[in-house]
């Protein structure tokens, strides 16, 4: 049996059915999905836990503590939910690139 993990990331222009992939080894399955918002994140998590038997969910730093709690509640206590967080300087660097790319403006939400 393979260990199955899901990595979820946010992007303002994500198309959940298009922006995804699966990486497989004999003992590991890594599902990667880019979602537009929390509603899609919860839908994807619930679906993949049910259909694929996901054991662990890793969330990008854009997920808030409340988002994490909602996802944990949605998938139940038998799935680990984790958040990838960077330290201060790394967060500032990535936030600046995201700002330049329009992630935080109305333009980036189109």
C-alpha atoms as a PDB file:
ATOM      1  CA  UNK A   1       0.000   0.000   0.000  1.00  0.00           C
ATOM      2  CA  UNK A   2       1.275   3.459  -0.871  1.00  0.00           C
ATOM      3  CA  UNK A   3       1.343   6.468   1.438  1.00  0.00           C
ATOM      4  CA  UNK A   4      -0.908   9.103  -0.124  1.00  0.00           C
ATOM      5  CA  UNK A   5      -0.375  12.815   0.390  1.00  0.00           C
ATOM      6  CA  UNK A   6      -2.104  15.871  -1.021  1.00  0.00           C
ATOM      7  CA  UNK A   7      -0.392  19.240  -1.478  1.00  0.00           C
ATOM      8  CA  UNK A   8      -2.786  22.155  -1.929  1.00  0.00           C
ATOM      9  CA  UNK A   9      -1.783  25.621  -3.086  1.00  0.00           C
ATOM     10  CA  UNK A  10      -3.755  28.803  -3.803  1.00  0.00           C
ATOM     11  CA  UNK A  11      -3.663  30.819  -7.014  1.00  0.00           C
ATOM     12  CA  UNK A  12      -6.146  33.509  -8.049  1.00  0.00           C
ATOM     13  CA  UNK A  13      -6.386  32.064 -11.566  1.00  0.00           C
ATOM     14  CA  UNK A  14      -6.559  28.381 -10.606  1.00  0.00           C
ATOM     15  CA  UNK A  15      -8.746  25.978 -12.526  1.00  0.00           C
ATOM     16  CA  UNK A  16      -9.094  23.076 -10.131  1.00  0.00           C
ATOM     17  CA  UNK A  17      -9.729  20.415 -12.786  1.00  0.00           C
ATOM     18  CA  UNK A  18      -6.856  21.645 -14.958  1.00  0.00           C
ATOM     19  CA  UNK A  19      -4.152  22.593 -12.440  1.00  0.00           C
ATOM     20  CA  UNK A  20      -3.367  19.265 -10.823  1.00  0.00           C
ATOM     21  CA  UNK A  21      -1.053  16.296 -11.114  1.00  0.00           C
ATOM     22  CA  UNK A  22      -0.123  13.033  -9.420  1.00  0.00           C
ATOM     23  CA  UNK A  23       3.412  11.834  -8.839  1.00  0.00           C
ATOM     24  CA  UNK A  24       3.710   8.113  -8.135  1.00  0.00           C
ATOM     25  CA  UNK A  25       6.332   5.751  -6.822  1.00  0.00           C
ATOM     26  CA  UNK A  26       5.586   2.200  -5.705  1.00  0.00           C
ATOM     27  CA  UNK A  27       5.252   3.396  -2.085  1.00  0.00           C
ATOM     28  CA  UNK A  28       4.159   7.018  -2.442  1.00  0.00           C
ATOM     29  CA  UNK A  29       1.438   8.993  -4.215  1.00  0.00           C
ATOM     30  CA  UNK A  30       1.646  12.784  -4.177  1.00  0.00           C
ATOM     31  CA  UNK A  31      -1.451  14.573  -5.411  1.00  0.00           C
ATOM     32  CA  UNK A  32      -0.932  18.270  -6.186  1.00  0.00           C
ATOM     33  CA  UNK A  33      -3.896  20.582  -6.744  1.00  0.00           C
ATOM     34  CA  UNK A  34      -4.063  24.361  -7.119  1.00  0.00           C
ATOM     35  CA  UNK A  35      -7.310  25.902  -5.876  1.00  0.00           C
ATOM     36  CA  UNK A  36      -8.812  29.365  -6.184  1.00  0.00           C
ATOM     37  CA  UNK A  37     -10.372  29.614  -2.724  1.00  0.00           C
ATOM     38  CA  UNK A  38     -11.227  27.876   0.537  1.00  0.00           C
ATOM     39  CA  UNK A  39     -14.472  26.441  -0.812  1.00  0.00           C
ATOM     40  CA  UNK A  40     -12.579  24.623  -3.562  1.00  0.00           C
ATOM     41  CA  UNK A  41      -9.935  23.521  -1.067  1.00  0.00           C
ATOM     42  CA  UNK A  42     -12.525  21.845   1.145  1.00  0.00           C
ATOM     43  CA  UNK A  43     -14.211  20.188  -1.849  1.00  0.00           C
ATOM     44  CA  UNK A  44     -10.896  18.825  -3.162  1.00  0.00           C
ATOM     45  CA  UNK A  45      -9.812  17.560   0.255  1.00  0.00           C
ATOM     46  CA  UNK A  46     -13.088  15.778   0.960  1.00  0.00           C
ATOM     47  CA  UNK A  47     -13.179  14.244  -2.509  1.00  0.00           C
ATOM     48  CA  UNK A  48      -9.593  12.969  -2.500  1.00  0.00           C
ATOM     49  CA  UNK A  49      -9.816  11.628   1.053  1.00  0.00           C
ATOM     50  CA  UNK A  50     -12.928   9.682   0.066  1.00  0.00           C
ATOM     51  CA  UNK A  51     -11.892   8.556  -3.433  1.00  0.00           C
ATOM     52  CA  UNK A  52      -8.108   8.158  -3.076  1.00  0.00           C
ATOM     53  CA  UNK A  53      -7.657   7.452   0.630  1.00  0.00           C
ATOM     54  CA  UNK A  54      -5.393  10.452   1.324  1.00  0.00           C
ATOM     55  CA  UNK A  55      -3.425  10.084   4.574  1.00  0.00           C
ATOM     56  CA  UNK A  56      -1.840  13.529   4.803  1.00  0.00           C
ATOM     57  CA  UNK A  57      -2.683  17.010   3.521  1.00  0.00           C
ATOM     58  CA  UNK A  58      -0.005  19.703   3.230  1.00  0.00           C
ATOM     59  CA  UNK A  59      -1.248  23.247   2.718  1.00  0.00           C
ATOM     60  CA  UNK A  60       0.673  26.186   1.252  1.00  0.00           C
ATOM     61  CA  UNK A  61       1.400  29.144   3.570  1.00  0.00           C
ATOM     62  CA  UNK A  62      -1.594  31.069   2.201  1.00  0.00           C
ATOM     63  CA  UNK A  63      -4.003  29.012   4.297  1.00  0.00           C
ATOM     64  CA  UNK A  64      -5.023  30.712   7.534  1.00  0.00           C
ATOM     65  CA  UNK A  65      -5.389  28.987  10.891  1.00  0.00           C
ATOM     66  CA  UNK A  66      -9.172  29.087  10.387  1.00  0.00           C
ATOM     67  CA  UNK A  67      -8.814  27.510   6.923  1.00  0.00           C
ATOM     68  CA  UNK A  68      -6.688  24.721   8.395  1.00  0.00           C
ATOM     69  CA  UNK A  69      -9.272  24.072  11.119  1.00  0.00           C
ATOM     70  CA  UNK A  70     -12.099  23.947   8.554  1.00  0.00           C
ATOM     71  CA  UNK A  71     -10.176  21.467   6.406  1.00  0.00           C
ATOM     72  CA  UNK A  72      -9.332  19.292   9.411  1.00  0.00           C
ATOM     73  CA  UNK A  73     -12.992  19.248  10.414  1.00  0.00           C
ATOM     74  CA  UNK A  74     -14.068  18.429   6.841  1.00  0.00           C
ATOM     75  CA  UNK A  75     -11.721  15.441   6.450  1.00  0.00           C
ATOM     76  CA  UNK A  76     -11.935  14.032   9.966  1.00  0.00           C
ATOM     77  CA  UNK A  77      -9.420  12.900  12.528  1.00  0.00           C
ATOM     78  CA  UNK A  78      -7.830  10.101  10.507  1.00  0.00           C
ATOM     79  CA  UNK A  79      -6.070  12.477   8.093  1.00  0.00           C
ATOM     80  CA  UNK A  80      -3.082  14.626   9.076  1.00  0.00           C
ATOM     81  CA  UNK A  81      -3.316  18.286   8.062  1.00  0.00           C
ATOM     82  CA  UNK A  82      -0.107  20.331   7.948  1.00  0.00           C
ATOM     83  CA  UNK A  83       0.905  23.817   6.800  1.00  0.00           C
ATOM     84  CA  UNK A  84       4.162  24.762   5.076  1.00  0.00           C
ATOM     85  CA  UNK A  85       5.275  27.988   6.754  1.00  0.00           C
ATOM     86  CA  UNK A  86       8.455  29.950   6.122  1.00  0.00           C
ATOM     87  CA  UNK A  87      10.319  32.245   8.463  1.00  0.00           C
ATOM     88  CA  UNK A  88       9.934  36.041   8.268  1.00  0.00           C
ATOM     89  CA  UNK A  89      12.475  36.985   5.555  1.00  0.00           C
ATOM     90  CA  UNK A  90      11.333  34.164   3.255  1.00  0.00           C
ATOM     91  CA  UNK A  91       7.725  35.208   3.655  1.00  0.00           C
ATOM     92  CA  UNK A  92       8.554  38.799   2.742  1.00  0.00           C
ATOM     93  CA  UNK A  93      10.443  37.725  -0.389  1.00  0.00           C
ATOM     94  CA  UNK A  94       7.641  35.541  -1.683  1.00  0.00           C
ATOM     95  CA  UNK A  95       4.927  38.058  -0.779  1.00  0.00           C
ATOM     96  CA  UNK A  96       6.729  40.752  -2.796  1.00  0.00           C
ATOM     97  CA  UNK A  97       6.876  38.522  -5.894  1.00  0.00           C
ATOM     98  CA  UNK A  98       3.199  37.634  -5.481  1.00  0.00           C
ATOM     99  CA  UNK A  99       2.331  41.345  -5.117  1.00  0.00           C
ATOM    100  CA  UNK A 100       4.191  42.173  -8.353  1.00  0.00           C
ATOM    101  CA  UNK A 101       2.286  39.411 -10.141  1.00  0.00           C
ATOM    102  CA  UNK A 102      -1.071  40.883  -9.094  1.00  0.00           C
ATOM    103  CA  UNK A 103      -2.134  38.291  -6.521  1.00  0.00           C
ATOM    104  CA  UNK A 104      -3.414  40.918  -4.093  1.00  0.00           C
ATOM    105  CA  UNK A 105      -5.141  43.273  -6.540  1.00  0.00           C
ATOM    106  CA  UNK A 106      -8.418  43.164  -8.378  1.00  0.00           C
ATOM    107  CA  UNK A 107      -6.417  42.532 -11.552  1.00  0.00           C
ATOM    108  CA  UNK A 108      -5.071  39.293 -10.061  1.00  0.00           C
ATOM    109  CA  UNK A 109      -8.598  38.063  -9.314  1.00  0.00           C
ATOM    110  CA  UNK A 110      -9.718  38.041 -12.957  1.00  0.00           C
END
